[in-house]
């Protein structure tokens, strides 16, 4: 499901059915999920996706190689859905809108992830030296300017920037390391 794999000229010019079927299989789910943000009408959405692929197949001789098929297909789907919704809107009088609905499960998972991330951030902050904790607190929680922090802590302004930079690097390194652990655990 690589969205960066180019659509080769093999299917485009020669009409390779297997390559086209693979293209449809690889991108159908992403198109469907994206289209659901514009319409909840499953039949309309399925028809639009079918139209996108049908038009792509019918016009394959006119197209040059498409470097990034996923964005191309998503754009074509959005245009197709909007065209049909616009037609329906003219009949009903309401504009099409991008909707974003979350299920209760999505909200629970999102809240749990936010809590886990906050806990991880607290753990990283707890490991920092006292001066770095103080700088982070003054800059981000008290919203003081680095010049004000320098006066308050009796250090040079450049020292404040250095402490901030070092702290942010440590936090970033922790997140990258955590992400790598999660990625490797998923791949194992």
C-alpha atoms as a PDB file:
ATOM      1  CA  UNK A   1       0.000   0.000   0.000  1.00  0.00           C
ATOM      2  CA  UNK A   2       2.766   2.376  -0.964  1.00  0.00           C
ATOM      3  CA  UNK A   3       1.312   5.717  -1.955  1.00  0.00           C
ATOM      4  CA  UNK A   4       4.592   6.777  -3.497  1.00  0.00           C
ATOM      5  CA  UNK A   5       4.897   3.952  -6.029  1.00  0.00           C
ATOM      6  CA  UNK A   6       4.474   5.441  -9.490  1.00  0.00           C
ATOM      7  CA  UNK A   7       1.728   4.241 -11.780  1.00  0.00           C
ATOM      8  CA  UNK A   8       3.870   2.750 -14.472  1.00  0.00           C
ATOM      9  CA  UNK A   9       3.409   3.115 -18.192  1.00  0.00           C
ATOM     10  CA  UNK A  10       2.905  -0.681 -18.291  1.00  0.00           C
ATOM     11  CA  UNK A  11      -0.749  -0.372 -17.361  1.00  0.00           C
ATOM     12  CA  UNK A  12      -1.181   3.142 -18.702  1.00  0.00           C
ATOM     13  CA  UNK A  13      -0.202   2.592 -22.269  1.00  0.00           C
ATOM     14  CA  UNK A  14      -0.446  -1.191 -22.639  1.00  0.00           C
ATOM     15  CA  UNK A  15      -3.550  -1.667 -20.502  1.00  0.00           C
ATOM     16  CA  UNK A  16      -2.093  -4.156 -18.010  1.00  0.00           C
ATOM     17  CA  UNK A  17      -5.219  -5.480 -16.245  1.00  0.00           C
ATOM     18  CA  UNK A  18      -3.283  -7.031 -13.347  1.00  0.00           C
ATOM     19  CA  UNK A  19      -1.381  -3.806 -12.623  1.00  0.00           C
ATOM     20  CA  UNK A  20      -4.612  -1.815 -12.744  1.00  0.00           C
ATOM     21  CA  UNK A  21      -6.343  -4.303 -10.434  1.00  0.00           C
ATOM     22  CA  UNK A  22      -3.416  -3.985  -8.007  1.00  0.00           C
ATOM     23  CA  UNK A  23      -3.696  -0.198  -8.159  1.00  0.00           C
ATOM     24  CA  UNK A  24      -7.399  -0.414  -7.282  1.00  0.00           C
ATOM     25  CA  UNK A  25      -6.782  -2.918  -4.495  1.00  0.00           C
ATOM     26  CA  UNK A  26      -3.945  -0.851  -2.980  1.00  0.00           C
ATOM     27  CA  UNK A  27      -5.857   2.431  -2.894  1.00  0.00           C
ATOM     28  CA  UNK A  28      -9.549   1.583  -2.561  1.00  0.00           C
ATOM     29  CA  UNK A  29      -9.645   1.598   1.268  1.00  0.00           C
ATOM     30  CA  UNK A  30      -7.814   4.927   1.540  1.00  0.00           C
ATOM     31  CA  UNK A  31     -10.164   6.471  -1.027  1.00  0.00           C
ATOM     32  CA  UNK A  32     -13.196   5.130   0.792  1.00  0.00           C
ATOM     33  CA  UNK A  33     -12.049   6.434   4.207  1.00  0.00           C
ATOM     34  CA  UNK A  34     -11.274   9.846   2.700  1.00  0.00           C
ATOM     35  CA  UNK A  35     -14.572   9.999   0.857  1.00  0.00           C
ATOM     36  CA  UNK A  36     -16.494   9.302   4.078  1.00  0.00           C
ATOM     37  CA  UNK A  37     -15.406  12.733   5.294  1.00  0.00           C
ATOM     38  CA  UNK A  38     -17.458  14.306   2.497  1.00  0.00           C
ATOM     39  CA  UNK A  39     -20.487  12.047   2.392  1.00  0.00           C
ATOM     40  CA  UNK A  40     -22.043   9.356   4.523  1.00  0.00           C
ATOM     41  CA  UNK A  41     -23.903   7.987   1.495  1.00  0.00           C
ATOM     42  CA  UNK A  42     -22.046   4.705   0.977  1.00  0.00           C
ATOM     43  CA  UNK A  43     -23.661   4.013  -2.385  1.00  0.00           C
ATOM     44  CA  UNK A  44     -22.741   7.458  -3.711  1.00  0.00           C
ATOM     45  CA  UNK A  45     -19.199   7.067  -2.416  1.00  0.00           C
ATOM     46  CA  UNK A  46     -18.764   3.610  -3.955  1.00  0.00           C
ATOM     47  CA  UNK A  47     -20.074   4.946  -7.280  1.00  0.00           C
ATOM     48  CA  UNK A  48     -17.651   7.881  -7.140  1.00  0.00           C
ATOM     49  CA  UNK A  49     -14.684   5.619  -6.470  1.00  0.00           C
ATOM     50  CA  UNK A  50     -15.772   3.346  -9.299  1.00  0.00           C
ATOM     51  CA  UNK A  51     -16.086   6.403 -11.577  1.00  0.00           C
ATOM     52  CA  UNK A  52     -12.572   7.564 -10.654  1.00  0.00           C
ATOM     53  CA  UNK A  53     -11.060   4.207 -11.581  1.00  0.00           C
ATOM     54  CA  UNK A  54     -13.221   3.872 -14.685  1.00  0.00           C
ATOM     55  CA  UNK A  55     -12.188   7.331 -15.925  1.00  0.00           C
ATOM     56  CA  UNK A  56      -8.557   6.530 -15.180  1.00  0.00           C
ATOM     57  CA  UNK A  57      -8.805   3.328 -17.217  1.00  0.00           C
ATOM     58  CA  UNK A  58     -10.703   4.941 -20.088  1.00  0.00           C
ATOM     59  CA  UNK A  59      -8.255   7.849 -20.306  1.00  0.00           C
ATOM     60  CA  UNK A  60      -5.090   5.814 -19.692  1.00  0.00           C
ATOM     61  CA  UNK A  61      -3.737   6.553 -23.174  1.00  0.00           C
ATOM     62  CA  UNK A  62      -3.985  10.304 -22.580  1.00  0.00           C
ATOM     63  CA  UNK A  63      -2.188  10.243 -19.206  1.00  0.00           C
ATOM     64  CA  UNK A  64       1.515  10.429 -18.659  1.00  0.00           C
ATOM     65  CA  UNK A  65       3.121   8.485 -15.822  1.00  0.00           C
ATOM     66  CA  UNK A  66       1.650   9.523 -12.479  1.00  0.00           C
ATOM     67  CA  UNK A  67       4.429   9.901  -9.913  1.00  0.00           C
ATOM     68  CA  UNK A  68       2.246   9.797  -6.783  1.00  0.00           C
ATOM     69  CA  UNK A  69      -0.968   7.834  -7.330  1.00  0.00           C
ATOM     70  CA  UNK A  70      -2.538   8.266  -3.867  1.00  0.00           C
ATOM     71  CA  UNK A  71      -2.769  12.100  -3.997  1.00  0.00           C
ATOM     72  CA  UNK A  72      -3.864  11.914  -7.640  1.00  0.00           C
ATOM     73  CA  UNK A  73      -6.656   9.459  -6.826  1.00  0.00           C
ATOM     74  CA  UNK A  74      -7.733  11.329  -3.677  1.00  0.00           C
ATOM     75  CA  UNK A  75      -7.976  14.573  -5.654  1.00  0.00           C
ATOM     76  CA  UNK A  76      -9.967  12.877  -8.412  1.00  0.00           C
ATOM     77  CA  UNK A  77     -12.331  11.358  -5.836  1.00  0.00           C
ATOM     78  CA  UNK A  78     -12.841  14.646  -4.019  1.00  0.00           C
ATOM     79  CA  UNK A  79     -13.677  16.392  -7.289  1.00  0.00           C
ATOM     80  CA  UNK A  80     -16.079  13.638  -8.297  1.00  0.00           C
ATOM     81  CA  UNK A  81     -17.858  13.614  -4.930  1.00  0.00           C
ATOM     82  CA  UNK A  82     -18.099  17.412  -4.915  1.00  0.00           C
ATOM     83  CA  UNK A  83     -19.485  17.420  -8.453  1.00  0.00           C
ATOM     84  CA  UNK A  84     -22.242  15.010  -7.471  1.00  0.00           C
ATOM     85  CA  UNK A  85     -22.905  16.744  -4.155  1.00  0.00           C
ATOM     86  CA  UNK A  86     -23.029  20.097  -5.934  1.00  0.00           C
ATOM     87  CA  UNK A  87     -25.610  18.686  -8.301  1.00  0.00           C
ATOM     88  CA  UNK A  88     -27.621  17.431  -5.312  1.00  0.00           C
ATOM     89  CA  UNK A  89     -27.028  20.701  -3.422  1.00  0.00           C
ATOM     90  CA  UNK A  90     -28.498  22.698  -6.262  1.00  0.00           C
ATOM     91  CA  UNK A  91     -31.567  20.552  -5.979  1.00  0.00           C
ATOM     92  CA  UNK A  92     -31.658  20.816  -2.147  1.00  0.00           C
ATOM     93  CA  UNK A  93     -29.932  24.177  -1.546  1.00  0.00           C
ATOM     94  CA  UNK A  94     -27.114  23.145   0.899  1.00  0.00           C
ATOM     95  CA  UNK A  95     -23.322  23.294   0.322  1.00  0.00           C
ATOM     96  CA  UNK A  96     -21.134  20.169   0.639  1.00  0.00           C
ATOM     97  CA  UNK A  97     -19.031  20.073   3.775  1.00  0.00           C
ATOM     98  CA  UNK A  98     -16.092  18.125   5.124  1.00  0.00           C
ATOM     99  CA  UNK A  99     -17.353  16.267   8.157  1.00  0.00           C
ATOM    100  CA  UNK A 100     -15.340  14.689  10.900  1.00  0.00           C
ATOM    101  CA  UNK A 101     -17.161  12.369  13.237  1.00  0.00           C
ATOM    102  CA  UNK A 102     -15.547  10.289  15.930  1.00  0.00           C
ATOM    103  CA  UNK A 103     -16.992   7.201  17.470  1.00  0.00           C
ATOM    104  CA  UNK A 104     -17.014   6.824  21.227  1.00  0.00           C
ATOM    105  CA  UNK A 105     -14.214   4.280  20.849  1.00  0.00           C
ATOM    106  CA  UNK A 106     -12.103   6.781  18.876  1.00  0.00           C
ATOM    107  CA  UNK A 107     -12.563   9.395  21.600  1.00  0.00           C
ATOM    108  CA  UNK A 108     -11.651   6.937  24.358  1.00  0.00           C
ATOM    109  CA  UNK A 109      -8.515   5.823  22.504  1.00  0.00           C
ATOM    110  CA  UNK A 110      -7.554   9.440  21.792  1.00  0.00           C
ATOM    111  CA  UNK A 111      -7.978  10.373  25.460  1.00  0.00           C
ATOM    112  CA  UNK A 112      -5.962   7.367  26.579  1.00  0.00           C
ATOM    113  CA  UNK A 113      -3.142   8.245  24.138  1.00  0.00           C
ATOM    114  CA  UNK A 114      -3.122  11.853  25.348  1.00  0.00           C
ATOM    115  CA  UNK A 115      -2.878  10.671  28.952  1.00  0.00           C
ATOM    116  CA  UNK A 116      -0.039   8.276  28.074  1.00  0.00           C
ATOM    117  CA  UNK A 117       1.813  11.040  26.231  1.00  0.00           C
ATOM    118  CA  UNK A 118       1.371  13.429  29.173  1.00  0.00           C
ATOM    119  CA  UNK A 119       2.734  10.767  31.529  1.00  0.00           C
ATOM    120  CA  UNK A 120       5.735  10.185  29.248  1.00  0.00           C
ATOM    121  CA  UNK A 121       6.395  13.911  29.059  1.00  0.00           C
ATOM    122  CA  UNK A 122       6.245  14.165  32.866  1.00  0.00           C
ATOM    123  CA  UNK A 123       8.726  11.295  33.097  1.00  0.00           C
ATOM    124  CA  UNK A 124      11.128  13.057  30.742  1.00  0.00           C
ATOM    125  CA  UNK A 125      10.767  16.351  32.609  1.00  0.00           C
ATOM    126  CA  UNK A 126      11.405  14.584  35.930  1.00  0.00           C
ATOM    127  CA  UNK A 127      14.752  13.356  34.571  1.00  0.00           C
ATOM    128  CA  UNK A 128      15.929  16.877  33.700  1.00  0.00           C
ATOM    129  CA  UNK A 129      18.366  18.825  35.859  1.00  0.00           C
ATOM    130  CA  UNK A 130      16.778  21.481  38.097  1.00  0.00           C
ATOM    131  CA  UNK A 131      17.893  24.444  35.951  1.00  0.00           C
ATOM    132  CA  UNK A 132      16.386  22.947  32.797  1.00  0.00           C
ATOM    133  CA  UNK A 133      13.135  22.233  34.643  1.00  0.00           C
ATOM    134  CA  UNK A 134      13.055  25.821  35.866  1.00  0.00           C
ATOM    135  CA  UNK A 135      13.672  27.256  32.398  1.00  0.00           C
ATOM    136  CA  UNK A 136      10.937  25.085  30.875  1.00  0.00           C
ATOM    137  CA  UNK A 137       8.538  26.062  33.644  1.00  0.00           C
ATOM    138  CA  UNK A 138       9.235  29.776  33.329  1.00  0.00           C
ATOM    139  CA  UNK A 139       9.122  29.894  29.529  1.00  0.00           C
ATOM    140  CA  UNK A 140       6.267  27.497  28.786  1.00  0.00           C
ATOM    141  CA  UNK A 141       4.119  27.576  31.902  1.00  0.00           C
ATOM    142  CA  UNK A 142       4.654  31.152  33.090  1.00  0.00           C
ATOM    143  CA  UNK A 143       5.125  32.381  29.489  1.00  0.00           C
ATOM    144  CA  UNK A 144       8.079  34.579  30.359  1.00  0.00           C
ATOM    145  CA  UNK A 145      10.368  35.978  27.702  1.00  0.00           C
ATOM    146  CA  UNK A 146      13.916  34.472  27.718  1.00  0.00           C
ATOM    147  CA  UNK A 147      15.257  37.906  28.745  1.00  0.00           C
ATOM    148  CA  UNK A 148      12.953  37.899  31.777  1.00  0.00           C
ATOM    149  CA  UNK A 149      13.999  34.339  32.624  1.00  0.00           C
ATOM    150  CA  UNK A 150      17.666  35.364  32.430  1.00  0.00           C
ATOM    151  CA  UNK A 151      17.115  38.184  34.920  1.00  0.00           C
ATOM    152  CA  UNK A 152      15.039  35.962  37.223  1.00  0.00           C
ATOM    153  CA  UNK A 153      17.592  33.125  37.204  1.00  0.00           C
ATOM    154  CA  UNK A 154      20.578  35.493  37.247  1.00  0.00           C
ATOM    155  CA  UNK A 155      22.099  34.013  34.078  1.00  0.00           C
ATOM    156  CA  UNK A 156      22.848  35.322  30.585  1.00  0.00           C
ATOM    157  CA  UNK A 157      20.052  35.319  28.022  1.00  0.00           C
ATOM    158  CA  UNK A 158      22.131  33.025  25.799  1.00  0.00           C
ATOM    159  CA  UNK A 159      22.282  30.545  28.695  1.00  0.00           C
ATOM    160  CA  UNK A 160      18.487  30.492  28.725  1.00  0.00           C
ATOM    161  CA  UNK A 161      18.472  29.665  25.004  1.00  0.00           C
ATOM    162  CA  UNK A 162      21.127  26.981  25.537  1.00  0.00           C
ATOM    163  CA  UNK A 163      19.142  25.396  28.379  1.00  0.00           C
ATOM    164  CA  UNK A 164      15.951  25.478  26.299  1.00  0.00           C
ATOM    165  CA  UNK A 165      17.712  23.982  23.310  1.00  0.00           C
ATOM    166  CA  UNK A 166      19.254  21.180  25.368  1.00  0.00           C
ATOM    167  CA  UNK A 167      15.920  20.431  27.056  1.00  0.00           C
ATOM    168  CA  UNK A 168      14.014  20.331  23.784  1.00  0.00           C
ATOM    169  CA  UNK A 169      16.706  18.054  22.295  1.00  0.00           C
ATOM    170  CA  UNK A 170      16.324  15.651  25.241  1.00  0.00           C
ATOM    171  CA  UNK A 171      12.545  15.627  24.900  1.00  0.00           C
ATOM    172  CA  UNK A 172      12.781  15.084  21.139  1.00  0.00           C
ATOM    173  CA  UNK A 173      15.327  12.257  21.592  1.00  0.00           C
ATOM    174  CA  UNK A 174      13.023  10.605  24.117  1.00  0.00           C
ATOM    175  CA  UNK A 175      10.042  10.764  21.726  1.00  0.00           C
ATOM    176  CA  UNK A 176      12.077   9.425  18.825  1.00  0.00           C
ATOM    177  CA  UNK A 177      13.405   6.604  20.992  1.00  0.00           C
ATOM    178  CA  UNK A 178       9.883   5.814  22.240  1.00  0.00           C
ATOM    179  CA  UNK A 179       8.528   5.822  18.696  1.00  0.00           C
ATOM    180  CA  UNK A 180      11.267   3.472  17.544  1.00  0.00           C
ATOM    181  CA  UNK A 181      10.522   1.046  20.408  1.00  0.00           C
ATOM    182  CA  UNK A 182       6.834   1.044  19.470  1.00  0.00           C
ATOM    183  CA  UNK A 183       7.635   0.599  15.769  1.00  0.00           C
ATOM    184  CA  UNK A 184       9.986  -2.308  16.395  1.00  0.00           C
ATOM    185  CA  UNK A 185       7.475  -3.954  18.729  1.00  0.00           C
ATOM    186  CA  UNK A 186       4.834  -3.698  16.000  1.00  0.00           C
ATOM    187  CA  UNK A 187       7.167  -5.181  13.409  1.00  0.00           C
ATOM    188  CA  UNK A 188       8.223  -8.067  15.648  1.00  0.00           C
END
